[in-house]
Amino acid sequence: MDAGMAGGIAGSVIGCMGGLIGTYFGIASTSRPRERALAIRFSVACWLWLAAVIGMVCFAPRPWGQYVVPLGPGITLAIPWCNRKLALARAEDQASTGEA
């Protein structure tokens, strides 16, 4: 194993660990059950999306795996939408309980 492969493996492991830690703290920072359920649902969808894109790139036949690469940044475009949904759920919960 050369240095490039070791660096690639180490970088992938560190990146996945960072993603898991970020997912945990993102869910843990929610304060209401509805908000937590949405955060869990969005997190699962995000991890499944990334796993599907990476799986297609690695295991699909040669021309098809390369066509999947543009789907990767779809997560980046979905994050603001998810944040708006979480803020809306938080605002609705606060309005229904009468909190400030």
C-alpha atoms as a PDB file:
ATOM      1  CA  MET A   1       0.000   0.000   0.000  1.00  0.00           C
ATOM      2  CA  ASP A   2       1.501   3.326  -1.004  1.00  0.00           C
ATOM      3  CA  ALA A   3       1.125   6.693   0.738  1.00  0.00           C
ATOM      4  CA  GLY A   4      -1.619   7.878  -1.626  1.00  0.00           C
ATOM      5  CA  MET A   5      -3.862   4.917  -0.906  1.00  0.00           C
ATOM      6  CA  ALA A   6      -3.258   5.173   2.851  1.00  0.00           C
ATOM      7  CA  GLY A   7      -4.095   8.879   2.740  1.00  0.00           C
ATOM      8  CA  GLY A   8      -7.260   8.183   0.764  1.00  0.00           C
ATOM      9  CA  ILE A   9      -8.429   5.555   3.224  1.00  0.00           C
ATOM     10  CA  ALA A  10      -7.557   7.709   6.247  1.00  0.00           C
ATOM     11  CA  GLY A  11      -9.292  10.725   4.716  1.00  0.00           C
ATOM     12  CA  SER A  12     -12.415   8.707   3.999  1.00  0.00           C
ATOM     13  CA  VAL A  13     -12.549   7.314   7.529  1.00  0.00           C
ATOM     14  CA  ILE A  14     -11.992  10.738   9.099  1.00  0.00           C
ATOM     15  CA  GLY A  15     -14.624  12.269   6.798  1.00  0.00           C
ATOM     16  CA  CYS A  16     -17.211   9.633   7.702  1.00  0.00           C
ATOM     17  CA  MET A  17     -16.464  10.066  11.399  1.00  0.00           C
ATOM     18  CA  GLY A  18     -16.951  13.813  11.032  1.00  0.00           C
ATOM     19  CA  GLY A  19     -20.245  13.221   9.253  1.00  0.00           C
ATOM     20  CA  LEU A  20     -21.440  10.886  11.996  1.00  0.00           C
ATOM     21  CA  ILE A  21     -20.457  13.343  14.726  1.00  0.00           C
ATOM     22  CA  GLY A  22     -22.168  16.189  12.885  1.00  0.00           C
ATOM     23  CA  THR A  23     -25.308  14.095  12.411  1.00  0.00           C
ATOM     24  CA  TYR A  24     -25.381  13.167  16.098  1.00  0.00           C
ATOM     25  CA  PHE A  25     -24.992  16.732  17.326  1.00  0.00           C
ATOM     26  CA  GLY A  26     -27.442  18.024  14.719  1.00  0.00           C
ATOM     27  CA  ILE A  27     -30.106  15.670  16.046  1.00  0.00           C
ATOM     28  CA  ALA A  28     -29.128  16.216  19.691  1.00  0.00           C
ATOM     29  CA  SER A  29     -29.465  19.994  19.357  1.00  0.00           C
ATOM     30  CA  THR A  30     -33.175  19.772  18.545  1.00  0.00           C
ATOM     31  CA  SER A  31     -35.514  20.608  21.388  1.00  0.00           C
ATOM     32  CA  ARG A  32     -38.928  19.345  20.313  1.00  0.00           C
ATOM     33  CA  PRO A  33     -40.146  15.896  19.213  1.00  0.00           C
ATOM     34  CA  ARG A  34     -41.445  17.083  15.839  1.00  0.00           C
ATOM     35  CA  GLU A  35     -38.214  18.917  15.089  1.00  0.00           C
ATOM     36  CA  ARG A  36     -36.178  15.866  16.164  1.00  0.00           C
ATOM     37  CA  ALA A  37     -38.251  13.568  13.926  1.00  0.00           C
ATOM     38  CA  LEU A  38     -37.646  15.853  10.943  1.00  0.00           C
ATOM     39  CA  ALA A  39     -33.913  16.023  11.700  1.00  0.00           C
ATOM     40  CA  ILE A  40     -33.716  12.229  11.892  1.00  0.00           C
ATOM     41  CA  ARG A  41     -35.671  11.834   8.656  1.00  0.00           C
ATOM     42  CA  PHE A  42     -33.453  14.347   6.832  1.00  0.00           C
ATOM     43  CA  SER A  43     -30.289  12.732   8.218  1.00  0.00           C
ATOM     44  CA  VAL A  44     -31.335   9.262   7.086  1.00  0.00           C
ATOM     45  CA  ALA A  45     -32.247  10.583   3.636  1.00  0.00           C
ATOM     46  CA  CYS A  46     -28.884  12.352   3.375  1.00  0.00           C
ATOM     47  CA  TRP A  47     -26.858   9.286   4.383  1.00  0.00           C
ATOM     48  CA  LEU A  48     -28.856   7.050   2.001  1.00  0.00           C
ATOM     49  CA  TRP A  49     -28.414   9.544  -0.847  1.00  0.00           C
ATOM     50  CA  LEU A  50     -24.654   9.671  -0.334  1.00  0.00           C
ATOM     51  CA  ALA A  51     -24.398   5.883   0.002  1.00  0.00           C
ATOM     52  CA  ALA A  52     -26.351   5.425  -3.232  1.00  0.00           C
ATOM     53  CA  VAL A  53     -24.211   7.895  -5.170  1.00  0.00           C
ATOM     54  CA  ILE A  54     -20.953   6.413  -3.867  1.00  0.00           C
ATOM     55  CA  GLY A  55     -22.222   2.873  -4.492  1.00  0.00           C
ATOM     56  CA  MET A  56     -23.188   3.733  -8.053  1.00  0.00           C
ATOM     57  CA  VAL A  57     -19.843   5.381  -8.737  1.00  0.00           C
ATOM     58  CA  CYS A  58     -17.929   2.396  -7.357  1.00  0.00           C
ATOM     59  CA  PHE A  59     -20.027  -0.545  -8.542  1.00  0.00           C
ATOM     60  CA  ALA A  60     -21.929   0.505 -11.666  1.00  0.00           C
ATOM     61  CA  PRO A  61     -20.539  -0.467 -15.067  1.00  0.00           C
ATOM     62  CA  ARG A  62     -18.033   1.998 -16.506  1.00  0.00           C
ATOM     63  CA  PRO A  63     -20.136   4.554 -18.407  1.00  0.00           C
ATOM     64  CA  TRP A  64     -23.094   4.543 -15.978  1.00  0.00           C
ATOM     65  CA  GLY A  65     -21.106   5.142 -12.814  1.00  0.00           C
ATOM     66  CA  GLN A  66     -19.632   8.308 -14.280  1.00  0.00           C
ATOM     67  CA  TYR A  67     -23.093   9.730 -15.055  1.00  0.00           C
ATOM     68  CA  VAL A  68     -24.049   9.578 -11.363  1.00  0.00           C
ATOM     69  CA  VAL A  69     -21.330  11.996 -10.210  1.00  0.00           C
ATOM     70  CA  PRO A  70     -23.423  15.162 -10.894  1.00  0.00           C
ATOM     71  CA  LEU A  71     -26.054  13.852  -8.431  1.00  0.00           C
ATOM     72  CA  GLY A  72     -23.610  14.220  -5.532  1.00  0.00           C
ATOM     73  CA  PRO A  73     -24.045  18.004  -5.047  1.00  0.00           C
ATOM     74  CA  GLY A  74     -27.819  17.519  -4.783  1.00  0.00           C
ATOM     75  CA  ILE A  75     -27.314  17.244  -1.021  1.00  0.00           C
ATOM     76  CA  THR A  76     -25.818  20.728  -0.963  1.00  0.00           C
ATOM     77  CA  LEU A  77     -28.883  22.103  -2.718  1.00  0.00           C
ATOM     78  CA  ALA A  78     -31.259  20.280  -0.361  1.00  0.00           C
ATOM     79  CA  ILE A  79     -29.739  21.599   2.884  1.00  0.00           C
ATOM     80  CA  PRO A  80     -31.342  25.091   2.750  1.00  0.00           C
ATOM     81  CA  TRP A  81     -34.731  23.497   2.043  1.00  0.00           C
ATOM     82  CA  CYS A  82     -34.328  21.174   5.039  1.00  0.00           C
ATOM     83  CA  ASN A  83     -33.293  24.098   7.246  1.00  0.00           C
ATOM     84  CA  ARG A  84     -36.416  26.031   6.214  1.00  0.00           C
ATOM     85  CA  LYS A  85     -38.599  23.021   7.021  1.00  0.00           C
ATOM     86  CA  LEU A  86     -36.983  22.660  10.458  1.00  0.00           C
ATOM     87  CA  ALA A  87     -37.417  26.385  11.178  1.00  0.00           C
ATOM     88  CA  LEU A  88     -41.073  26.180  10.129  1.00  0.00           C
ATOM     89  CA  ALA A  89     -41.667  23.188  12.409  1.00  0.00           C
ATOM     90  CA  ARG A  90     -39.964  25.022  15.272  1.00  0.00           C
ATOM     91  CA  ALA A  91     -42.075  28.146  14.686  1.00  0.00           C
ATOM     92  CA  GLU A  92     -45.311  26.142  14.500  1.00  0.00           C
ATOM     93  CA  ASP A  93     -44.482  24.313  17.723  1.00  0.00           C
ATOM     94  CA  GLN A  94     -43.674  27.571  19.493  1.00  0.00           C
ATOM     95  CA  ALA A  95     -46.911  29.151  18.248  1.00  0.00           C
ATOM     96  CA  SER A  96     -49.007  26.179  19.372  1.00  0.00           C
ATOM     97  CA  THR A  97     -47.487  26.129  22.868  1.00  0.00           C
ATOM     98  CA  GLY A  98     -47.460  29.921  23.258  1.00  0.00           C
ATOM     99  CA  GLU A  99     -43.710  30.135  23.892  1.00  0.00           C
ATOM    100  CA  ALA A 100     -41.689  33.205  22.957  1.00  0.00           C
END
